Amino acid sequence: MTTNEALTRAESTTERYRRAGEAGDAAQALTTFAPEAVLHSPLTTAARFTGTESVRTIIEAAFSRIEGIRFHTDVGDERTRTVVYTARVGGVEIEETAVLRLDDEARIVEATLFVRPLSGLVALMGEIGPELARRAGRPWAARLLSVMIMPLRLLVRSGDQVGVRLTQVK
């Protein structure tokens, strides 16, 4: 296979991934992943999702909480692609970047996610953490996680509203 053919296959993979994200179609998104794929959380290095079922769980949870996904960037080569989208989660605007590593069949074998701004990352944490706990059959943990994130949400919101004004150069 030529480099151009491999690049075309990689671009096809990320196009399917993007279309699935914009449609909120977890099943379609999963078709872009290799069975042994690893997804690295944007929230913590302590959580990573390995294998189809684990990746399915996080993608379904994310698509149930993230609204209005619109991709605006897809760059890279036949082995590493980077895709970026904007959306809203918990009423907060986010921008997520996914660095995707592909195998010889142009399947995603590793996805590392990054979210900005901090208020968006905190909103994501407040939505996805409890959702994952509910899906794991631990409603008490979902409630606990929701309570644990409240002070951080308040601090970040204050920083966005007051802290930013204090740092502006006139």
N, C-alpha and C. Protein backbone atom coordinates (compact mmCIF):
# COMPACT_ATOMS: atom_id res chain seq x y z
N MET A 1 0.84 -1.17 0.00
CA MET A 1 0.00 0.00 0.00
C MET A 1 0.89 1.24 0.00
N THR A 2 0.54 2.20 -0.81
CA THR A 2 1.33 3.43 -0.89
C THR A 2 0.99 4.34 0.29
N THR A 3 1.84 5.32 0.51
CA THR A 3 1.60 6.29 1.57
C THR A 3 0.30 7.04 1.32
N ASN A 4 0.01 7.39 0.08
CA ASN A 4 -1.23 8.09 -0.24
C ASN A 4 -2.46 7.24 0.05
N GLU A 5 -2.38 5.93 -0.26
CA GLU A 5 -3.51 5.04 0.04
C GLU A 5 -3.71 4.93 1.54
N ALA A 6 -2.63 4.82 2.30
CA ALA A 6 -2.72 4.73 3.76
C ALA A 6 -3.31 6.01 4.35
N LEU A 7 -2.89 7.15 3.80
CA LEU A 7 -3.42 8.42 4.27
C LEU A 7 -4.92 8.52 3.98
N THR A 8 -5.33 8.09 2.80
CA THR A 8 -6.74 8.11 2.44
C THR A 8 -7.55 7.24 3.40
N ARG A 9 -7.03 6.07 3.77
CA ARG A 9 -7.72 5.19 4.72
C ARG A 9 -7.82 5.85 6.08
N ALA A 10 -6.74 6.50 6.51
CA ALA A 10 -6.74 7.19 7.81
C ALA A 10 -7.76 8.33 7.81
N GLU A 11 -7.79 9.09 6.73
CA GLU A 11 -8.76 10.18 6.61
C GLU A 11 -10.19 9.65 6.60
N SER A 12 -10.40 8.50 6.01
CA SER A 12 -11.72 7.88 6.00
C SER A 12 -12.14 7.49 7.42
N THR A 13 -11.20 6.98 8.19
CA THR A 13 -11.49 6.62 9.59
C THR A 13 -11.92 7.84 10.38
N THR A 14 -11.15 8.92 10.28
CA THR A 14 -11.51 10.10 11.07
C THR A 14 -12.78 10.77 10.55
N GLU A 15 -13.05 10.63 9.27
CA GLU A 15 -14.31 11.16 8.75
C GLU A 15 -15.49 10.41 9.38
N ARG A 16 -15.40 9.07 9.45
CA ARG A 16 -16.46 8.28 10.09
C ARG A 16 -16.58 8.63 11.57
N TYR A 17 -15.44 8.79 12.23
CA TYR A 17 -15.41 9.16 13.65
C TYR A 17 -16.11 10.51 13.86
N ARG A 18 -15.78 11.49 13.01
CA ARG A 18 -16.38 12.82 13.12
C ARG A 18 -17.89 12.77 12.87
N ARG A 19 -18.29 12.07 11.83
CA ARG A 19 -19.73 11.96 11.52
C ARG A 19 -20.49 11.30 12.67
N ALA A 20 -19.90 10.27 13.25
CA ALA A 20 -20.53 9.59 14.38
C ALA A 20 -20.66 10.53 15.58
N GLY A 21 -19.61 11.30 15.84
CA GLY A 21 -19.65 12.24 16.96
C GLY A 21 -20.72 13.30 16.76
N GLU A 22 -20.79 13.86 15.57
CA GLU A 22 -21.78 14.90 15.31
C GLU A 22 -23.20 14.35 15.36
N ALA A 23 -23.37 13.08 15.05
CA ALA A 23 -24.70 12.45 15.11
C ALA A 23 -24.99 11.86 16.49
N GLY A 24 -23.98 11.82 17.37
CA GLY A 24 -24.17 11.19 18.68
C GLY A 24 -24.36 9.69 18.57
N ASP A 25 -23.76 9.08 17.57
CA ASP A 25 -23.94 7.66 17.27
C ASP A 25 -22.75 6.85 17.80
N ALA A 26 -22.89 6.35 19.02
CA ALA A 26 -21.80 5.60 19.67
C ALA A 26 -21.46 4.33 18.90
N ALA A 27 -22.47 3.63 18.39
CA ALA A 27 -22.21 2.39 17.66
C ALA A 27 -21.34 2.67 16.44
N GLN A 28 -21.64 3.74 15.71
CA GLN A 28 -20.84 4.09 14.54
C GLN A 28 -19.43 4.51 14.95
N ALA A 29 -19.30 5.27 16.01
CA ALA A 29 -17.98 5.69 16.49
C ALA A 29 -17.13 4.47 16.83
N LEU A 30 -17.74 3.46 17.43
CA LEU A 30 -17.00 2.26 17.82
C LEU A 30 -16.43 1.50 16.63
N THR A 31 -17.04 1.65 15.45
CA THR A 31 -16.53 0.94 14.28
C THR A 31 -15.16 1.46 13.85
N THR A 32 -14.75 2.61 14.38
CA THR A 32 -13.46 3.17 14.02
C THR A 32 -12.34 2.70 14.95
N PHE A 33 -12.70 2.00 16.02
CA PHE A 33 -11.72 1.55 17.01
C PHE A 33 -11.33 0.09 16.81
N ALA A 34 -10.07 -0.22 17.06
CA ALA A 34 -9.59 -1.60 17.09
C ALA A 34 -10.11 -2.26 18.37
N PRO A 35 -10.26 -3.59 18.39
CA PRO A 35 -10.78 -4.26 19.59
C PRO A 35 -9.96 -3.99 20.85
N GLU A 36 -8.68 -3.81 20.71
CA GLU A 36 -7.80 -3.61 21.88
C GLU A 36 -7.52 -2.14 22.15
N ALA A 37 -8.29 -1.25 21.58
CA ALA A 37 -8.06 0.20 21.68
C ALA A 37 -8.05 0.67 23.14
N VAL A 38 -7.30 1.75 23.36
CA VAL A 38 -7.21 2.40 24.66
C VAL A 38 -7.64 3.84 24.49
N LEU A 39 -8.54 4.30 25.37
CA LEU A 39 -8.97 5.68 25.38
C LEU A 39 -8.51 6.30 26.70
N HIS A 40 -7.71 7.37 26.61
CA HIS A 40 -7.19 8.06 27.79
C HIS A 40 -8.12 9.22 28.14
N SER A 41 -8.58 9.25 29.36
CA SER A 41 -9.49 10.27 29.85
C SER A 41 -8.86 11.65 29.83
N PRO A 42 -9.66 12.68 29.52
CA PRO A 42 -9.12 14.05 29.62
C PRO A 42 -9.14 14.55 31.07
N LEU A 43 -9.74 13.78 31.97
CA LEU A 43 -9.93 14.23 33.34
C LEU A 43 -8.82 13.79 34.29
N THR A 44 -8.25 12.61 34.06
CA THR A 44 -7.28 12.06 35.00
C THR A 44 -6.43 10.99 34.32
N THR A 45 -5.20 10.86 34.77
CA THR A 45 -4.36 9.78 34.27
C THR A 45 -4.72 8.46 34.96
N ALA A 46 -5.51 8.52 36.01
CA ALA A 46 -5.90 7.31 36.74
C ALA A 46 -6.98 6.51 36.02
N ALA A 47 -7.61 7.12 35.02
CA ALA A 47 -8.68 6.42 34.30
C ALA A 47 -8.31 6.28 32.84
N ARG A 48 -8.31 5.05 32.39
CA ARG A 48 -8.19 4.80 30.96
C ARG A 48 -9.12 3.65 30.64
N PHE A 49 -9.60 3.64 29.44
CA PHE A 49 -10.61 2.67 29.02
C PHE A 49 -9.98 1.80 27.95
N THR A 50 -9.94 0.49 28.21
CA THR A 50 -9.24 -0.44 27.33
C THR A 50 -10.22 -1.49 26.82
N GLY A 51 -10.22 -1.69 25.50
CA GLY A 51 -11.07 -2.69 24.89
C GLY A 51 -12.41 -2.13 24.48
N THR A 52 -13.06 -2.85 23.58
CA THR A 52 -14.30 -2.38 22.97
C THR A 52 -15.38 -2.04 23.98
N GLU A 53 -15.64 -2.90 24.93
CA GLU A 53 -16.74 -2.65 25.87
C GLU A 53 -16.46 -1.45 26.76
N SER A 54 -15.23 -1.32 27.21
CA SER A 54 -14.86 -0.18 28.04
C SER A 54 -14.94 1.12 27.26
N VAL A 55 -14.44 1.12 26.03
CA VAL A 55 -14.52 2.31 25.17
C VAL A 55 -15.98 2.62 24.86
N ARG A 56 -16.80 1.59 24.63
CA ARG A 56 -18.23 1.80 24.37
C ARG A 56 -18.88 2.53 25.55
N THR A 57 -18.56 2.12 26.76
CA THR A 57 -19.15 2.73 27.95
C THR A 57 -18.87 4.22 28.01
N ILE A 58 -17.63 4.62 27.79
CA ILE A 58 -17.29 6.03 27.90
C ILE A 58 -17.88 6.82 26.73
N ILE A 59 -17.86 6.25 25.53
CA ILE A 59 -18.43 6.98 24.38
C ILE A 59 -19.94 7.16 24.55
N GLU A 60 -20.64 6.12 24.98
CA GLU A 60 -22.09 6.25 25.20
C GLU A 60 -22.38 7.29 26.28
N ALA A 61 -21.62 7.27 27.36
CA ALA A 61 -21.82 8.24 28.43
C ALA A 61 -21.56 9.66 27.91
N ALA A 62 -20.48 9.82 27.17
CA ALA A 62 -20.14 11.15 26.63
C ALA A 62 -21.22 11.65 25.68
N PHE A 63 -21.66 10.80 24.76
CA PHE A 63 -22.66 11.23 23.79
C PHE A 63 -24.01 11.51 24.46
N SER A 64 -24.25 10.94 25.64
CA SER A 64 -25.51 11.22 26.34
C SER A 64 -25.47 12.56 27.06
N ARG A 65 -24.28 13.14 27.23
CA ARG A 65 -24.13 14.38 27.99
C ARG A 65 -23.60 15.56 27.19
N ILE A 66 -22.87 15.31 26.11
CA ILE A 66 -22.29 16.37 25.30
C ILE A 66 -23.26 16.70 24.17
N GLU A 67 -23.52 17.98 23.99
CA GLU A 67 -24.50 18.41 22.99
C GLU A 67 -23.85 19.25 21.89
N GLY A 68 -24.36 19.12 20.69
CA GLY A 68 -23.97 20.00 19.59
C GLY A 68 -22.53 19.85 19.12
N ILE A 69 -22.04 18.64 19.07
CA ILE A 69 -20.67 18.42 18.61
C ILE A 69 -20.54 18.86 17.16
N ARG A 70 -19.53 19.72 16.90
CA ARG A 70 -19.23 20.18 15.55
C ARG A 70 -17.71 20.18 15.37
N PHE A 71 -17.23 19.28 14.55
CA PHE A 71 -15.79 19.20 14.29
C PHE A 71 -15.36 20.33 13.38
N HIS A 72 -14.18 20.88 13.64
CA HIS A 72 -13.66 21.94 12.79
C HIS A 72 -12.23 21.67 12.32
N THR A 73 -11.58 20.64 12.85
CA THR A 73 -10.20 20.36 12.46
C THR A 73 -9.99 18.86 12.38
N ASP A 74 -9.28 18.42 11.34
CA ASP A 74 -8.87 17.02 11.16
C ASP A 74 -7.55 17.06 10.40
N VAL A 75 -6.46 16.83 11.10
CA VAL A 75 -5.13 16.90 10.49
C VAL A 75 -4.29 15.71 10.91
N GLY A 76 -3.25 15.43 10.15
CA GLY A 76 -2.32 14.39 10.53
C GLY A 76 -1.87 13.57 9.35
N ASP A 77 -1.32 12.41 9.68
CA ASP A 77 -0.83 11.51 8.64
C ASP A 77 -1.51 10.15 8.78
N GLU A 78 -0.94 9.14 8.15
CA GLU A 78 -1.59 7.82 8.14
C GLU A 78 -1.51 7.08 9.47
N ARG A 79 -0.69 7.53 10.43
CA ARG A 79 -0.53 6.86 11.72
C ARG A 79 -1.08 7.66 12.90
N THR A 80 -1.06 8.98 12.77
CA THR A 80 -1.52 9.84 13.86
C THR A 80 -2.39 10.95 13.29
N ARG A 81 -3.61 11.05 13.81
CA ARG A 81 -4.55 12.08 13.37
C ARG A 81 -4.96 12.89 14.60
N THR A 82 -5.28 14.13 14.40
CA THR A 82 -5.80 14.98 15.46
C THR A 82 -7.10 15.60 14.96
N VAL A 83 -8.15 15.41 15.75
CA VAL A 83 -9.45 15.99 15.42
C VAL A 83 -9.89 16.87 16.58
N VAL A 84 -10.59 17.97 16.24
CA VAL A 84 -11.00 18.94 17.25
C VAL A 84 -12.44 19.34 17.00
N TYR A 85 -13.22 19.42 18.08
CA TYR A 85 -14.60 19.86 17.95
C TYR A 85 -14.97 20.84 19.05
N THR A 86 -16.05 21.58 18.82
CA THR A 86 -16.68 22.40 19.84
C THR A 86 -18.03 21.79 20.16
N ALA A 87 -18.51 22.04 21.39
CA ALA A 87 -19.79 21.51 21.83
C ALA A 87 -20.18 22.21 23.13
N ARG A 88 -21.21 21.68 23.77
CA ARG A 88 -21.63 22.17 25.08
C ARG A 88 -21.86 20.96 25.97
N VAL A 89 -21.50 21.14 27.24
CA VAL A 89 -21.76 20.10 28.24
C VAL A 89 -22.20 20.81 29.52
N GLY A 90 -23.34 20.41 30.03
CA GLY A 90 -23.86 21.07 31.22
C GLY A 90 -24.02 22.56 31.04
N GLY A 91 -24.34 22.99 29.82
CA GLY A 91 -24.53 24.40 29.52
C GLY A 91 -23.25 25.20 29.32
N VAL A 92 -22.10 24.53 29.33
CA VAL A 92 -20.81 25.20 29.21
C VAL A 92 -20.18 24.83 27.87
N GLU A 93 -19.62 25.82 27.19
CA GLU A 93 -18.93 25.55 25.93
C GLU A 93 -17.61 24.83 26.19
N ILE A 94 -17.33 23.84 25.33
CA ILE A 94 -16.06 23.13 25.42
C ILE A 94 -15.44 23.02 24.03
N GLU A 95 -14.16 22.75 24.04
CA GLU A 95 -13.45 22.38 22.82
C GLU A 95 -12.63 21.16 23.21
N GLU A 96 -12.80 20.08 22.46
CA GLU A 96 -12.07 18.85 22.76
C GLU A 96 -11.18 18.50 21.59
N THR A 97 -9.96 18.13 21.93
CA THR A 97 -8.99 17.65 20.95
C THR A 97 -8.73 16.18 21.23
N ALA A 98 -8.76 15.37 20.19
CA ALA A 98 -8.45 13.95 20.30
C ALA A 98 -7.25 13.65 19.42
N VAL A 99 -6.20 13.13 20.04
CA VAL A 99 -5.05 12.64 19.29
C VAL A 99 -5.28 11.15 19.10
N LEU A 100 -5.39 10.74 17.84
CA LEU A 100 -5.75 9.36 17.50
C LEU A 100 -4.57 8.66 16.85
N ARG A 101 -4.17 7.54 17.42
CA ARG A 101 -3.11 6.73 16.83
C ARG A 101 -3.77 5.55 16.13
N LEU A 102 -3.34 5.28 14.90
CA LEU A 102 -3.98 4.28 14.06
C LEU A 102 -3.06 3.10 13.81
N ASP A 103 -3.67 1.92 13.62
CA ASP A 103 -2.89 0.73 13.29
C ASP A 103 -2.76 0.60 11.76
N ASP A 104 -2.22 -0.52 11.30
CA ASP A 104 -2.01 -0.74 9.86
C ASP A 104 -3.31 -0.81 9.07
N GLU A 105 -4.43 -1.08 9.76
CA GLU A 105 -5.73 -1.15 9.10
C GLU A 105 -6.52 0.16 9.26
N ALA A 106 -5.83 1.21 9.71
CA ALA A 106 -6.43 2.53 9.92
C ALA A 106 -7.53 2.51 10.97
N ARG A 107 -7.40 1.62 11.96
CA ARG A 107 -8.32 1.60 13.10
C ARG A 107 -7.66 2.35 14.26
N ILE A 108 -8.46 2.99 15.08
CA ILE A 108 -7.93 3.72 16.23
C ILE A 108 -7.50 2.70 17.28
N VAL A 109 -6.23 2.76 17.65
CA VAL A 109 -5.72 1.88 18.71
C VAL A 109 -5.47 2.65 20.00
N GLU A 110 -5.39 3.98 19.88
CA GLU A 110 -5.20 4.81 21.06
C GLU A 110 -5.81 6.18 20.80
N ALA A 111 -6.61 6.64 21.76
CA ALA A 111 -7.20 7.98 21.68
C ALA A 111 -6.88 8.70 22.98
N THR A 112 -6.25 9.85 22.86
CA THR A 112 -5.94 10.68 24.03
C THR A 112 -6.71 11.98 23.88
N LEU A 113 -7.53 12.29 24.89
CA LEU A 113 -8.45 13.42 24.81
C LEU A 113 -7.99 14.58 25.69
N PHE A 114 -8.20 15.80 25.19
CA PHE A 114 -7.87 17.02 25.90
C PHE A 114 -9.06 17.97 25.78
N VAL A 115 -9.44 18.62 26.89
CA VAL A 115 -10.60 19.52 26.90
C VAL A 115 -10.20 20.88 27.45
N ARG A 116 -10.72 21.92 26.81
CA ARG A 116 -10.55 23.28 27.29
C ARG A 116 -11.88 23.99 27.15
N PRO A 117 -12.15 25.06 27.82
CA PRO A 117 -11.40 25.67 28.90
C PRO A 117 -11.62 24.90 30.19
N LEU A 118 -11.00 25.38 31.26
CA LEU A 118 -11.12 24.70 32.56
C LEU A 118 -12.58 24.57 32.97
N SER A 119 -13.38 25.58 32.74
CA SER A 119 -14.80 25.50 33.10
C SER A 119 -15.49 24.38 32.34
N GLY A 120 -15.09 24.16 31.09
CA GLY A 120 -15.64 23.06 30.31
C GLY A 120 -15.19 21.71 30.82
N LEU A 121 -13.93 21.62 31.21
CA LEU A 121 -13.40 20.36 31.75
C LEU A 121 -14.13 20.01 33.05
N VAL A 122 -14.34 21.01 33.90
CA VAL A 122 -15.05 20.78 35.17
C VAL A 122 -16.50 20.38 34.89
N ALA A 123 -17.14 21.04 33.94
CA ALA A 123 -18.52 20.66 33.58
C ALA A 123 -18.56 19.23 33.06
N LEU A 124 -17.58 18.87 32.25
CA LEU A 124 -17.51 17.50 31.73
C LEU A 124 -17.36 16.51 32.88
N MET A 125 -16.49 16.83 33.82
CA MET A 125 -16.29 15.97 34.99
C MET A 125 -17.59 15.81 35.77
N GLY A 126 -18.32 16.91 35.92
CA GLY A 126 -19.57 16.88 36.67
C GLY A 126 -20.68 16.13 35.98
N GLU A 127 -20.60 15.97 34.68
CA GLU A 127 -21.62 15.25 33.93
C GLU A 127 -21.23 13.79 33.68
N ILE A 128 -20.00 13.56 33.25
CA ILE A 128 -19.59 12.21 32.83
C ILE A 128 -19.32 11.30 34.03
N GLY A 129 -18.67 11.82 35.07
CA GLY A 129 -18.38 10.98 36.24
C GLY A 129 -19.63 10.34 36.83
N PRO A 130 -20.63 11.16 37.18
CA PRO A 130 -21.87 10.57 37.71
C PRO A 130 -22.57 9.65 36.71
N GLU A 131 -22.52 10.00 35.42
CA GLU A 131 -23.14 9.14 34.40
C GLU A 131 -22.48 7.77 34.36
N LEU A 132 -21.15 7.75 34.43
CA LEU A 132 -20.43 6.47 34.43
C LEU A 132 -20.78 5.66 35.68
N ALA A 133 -20.89 6.32 36.82
CA ALA A 133 -21.26 5.62 38.06
C ALA A 133 -22.67 5.02 37.94
N ARG A 134 -23.62 5.80 37.37
CA ARG A 134 -24.98 5.26 37.16
C ARG A 134 -24.95 4.04 36.26
N ARG A 135 -24.18 4.13 35.17
CA ARG A 135 -24.11 3.02 34.22
C ARG A 135 -23.45 1.79 34.85
N ALA A 136 -22.62 2.02 35.87
CA ALA A 136 -21.97 0.91 36.57
C ALA A 136 -22.87 0.35 37.68
N GLY A 137 -24.10 0.88 37.79
CA GLY A 137 -25.04 0.38 38.79
C GLY A 137 -24.77 0.91 40.19
N ARG A 138 -24.14 2.08 40.29
CA ARG A 138 -23.83 2.67 41.59
C ARG A 138 -24.45 4.07 41.70
N PRO A 139 -25.77 4.14 41.87
CA PRO A 139 -26.42 5.45 41.96
C PRO A 139 -25.92 6.28 43.14
N TRP A 140 -25.57 5.62 44.24
CA TRP A 140 -25.03 6.35 45.39
C TRP A 140 -23.71 7.03 45.03
N ALA A 141 -22.89 6.39 44.20
CA ALA A 141 -21.62 6.98 43.78
C ALA A 141 -21.87 8.16 42.84
N ALA A 142 -22.90 8.06 42.02
CA ALA A 142 -23.26 9.17 41.13
C ALA A 142 -23.62 10.40 41.95
N ARG A 143 -24.41 10.21 43.00
CA ARG A 143 -24.78 11.33 43.88
C ARG A 143 -23.55 11.90 44.58
N LEU A 144 -22.69 11.01 45.07
CA LEU A 144 -21.48 11.46 45.76
C LEU A 144 -20.58 12.26 44.83
N LEU A 145 -20.38 11.78 43.62
CA LEU A 145 -19.55 12.50 42.65
C LEU A 145 -20.15 13.87 42.33
N SER A 146 -21.45 13.94 42.21
CA SER A 146 -22.12 15.22 41.93
C SER A 146 -21.86 16.22 43.05
N VAL A 147 -21.93 15.76 44.29
CA VAL A 147 -21.67 16.63 45.45
C VAL A 147 -20.20 17.03 45.50
N MET A 148 -19.30 16.09 45.22
CA MET A 148 -17.86 16.38 45.27
C MET A 148 -17.44 17.45 44.27
N ILE A 149 -18.08 17.50 43.13
CA ILE A 149 -17.67 18.43 42.07
C ILE A 149 -18.24 19.84 42.29
N MET A 150 -19.29 19.98 43.11
CA MET A 150 -19.92 21.29 43.29
C MET A 150 -18.96 22.41 43.69
N PRO A 151 -18.11 22.22 44.71
CA PRO A 151 -17.19 23.32 45.07
C PRO A 151 -16.25 23.71 43.93
N LEU A 152 -15.78 22.73 43.17
CA LEU A 152 -14.90 23.04 42.05
C LEU A 152 -15.63 23.82 40.97
N ARG A 153 -16.87 23.45 40.70
CA ARG A 153 -17.68 24.19 39.72
C ARG A 153 -17.84 25.66 40.15
N LEU A 154 -18.12 25.87 41.45
CA LEU A 154 -18.28 27.23 41.95
C LEU A 154 -16.98 28.03 41.85
N LEU A 155 -15.87 27.41 42.20
CA LEU A 155 -14.58 28.10 42.13
C LEU A 155 -14.22 28.48 40.70
N VAL A 156 -14.43 27.54 39.77
CA VAL A 156 -14.09 27.81 38.38
C VAL A 156 -15.01 28.89 37.81
N ARG A 157 -16.28 28.82 38.13
CA ARG A 157 -17.22 29.84 37.65
C ARG A 157 -16.81 31.22 38.18
N SER A 158 -16.42 31.29 39.46
CA SER A 158 -15.95 32.56 40.04
C SER A 158 -14.70 33.04 39.33
N GLY A 159 -13.80 32.12 39.03
CA GLY A 159 -12.58 32.50 38.32
C GLY A 159 -12.87 33.05 36.96
N ASP A 160 -13.82 32.44 36.26
CA ASP A 160 -14.20 32.94 34.94
C ASP A 160 -14.85 34.31 35.02
N GLN A 161 -15.65 34.54 36.06
CA GLN A 161 -16.39 35.79 36.15
C GLN A 161 -15.58 36.92 36.77
N VAL A 162 -14.85 36.63 37.83
CA VAL A 162 -14.12 37.67 38.57
C VAL A 162 -12.63 37.62 38.27
N GLY A 163 -12.06 36.44 38.36
CA GLY A 163 -10.61 36.30 38.20
C GLY A 163 -10.09 36.80 36.88
N VAL A 164 -10.81 36.55 35.81
CA VAL A 164 -10.37 36.99 34.49
C VAL A 164 -10.32 38.51 34.43
N ARG A 165 -11.35 39.18 34.98
CA ARG A 165 -11.35 40.65 35.00
C ARG A 165 -10.16 41.21 35.76
N LEU A 166 -9.74 40.52 36.82
CA LEU A 166 -8.62 40.99 37.63
C LEU A 166 -7.29 40.88 36.89
N THR A 167 -7.23 40.06 35.87
CA THR A 167 -5.97 39.86 35.15
C THR A 167 -5.88 40.66 33.87
N GLN A 168 -6.96 41.33 33.48
CA GLN A 168 -6.97 42.07 32.22
C GLN A 168 -6.07 43.30 32.28
N VAL A 169 -5.27 43.47 31.25
CA VAL A 169 -4.41 44.64 31.10
C VAL A 169 -5.22 45.74 30.44
N LYS A 170 -5.13 46.92 30.99
CA LYS A 170 -5.90 48.06 30.44
C LYS A 170 -5.09 48.84 29.48
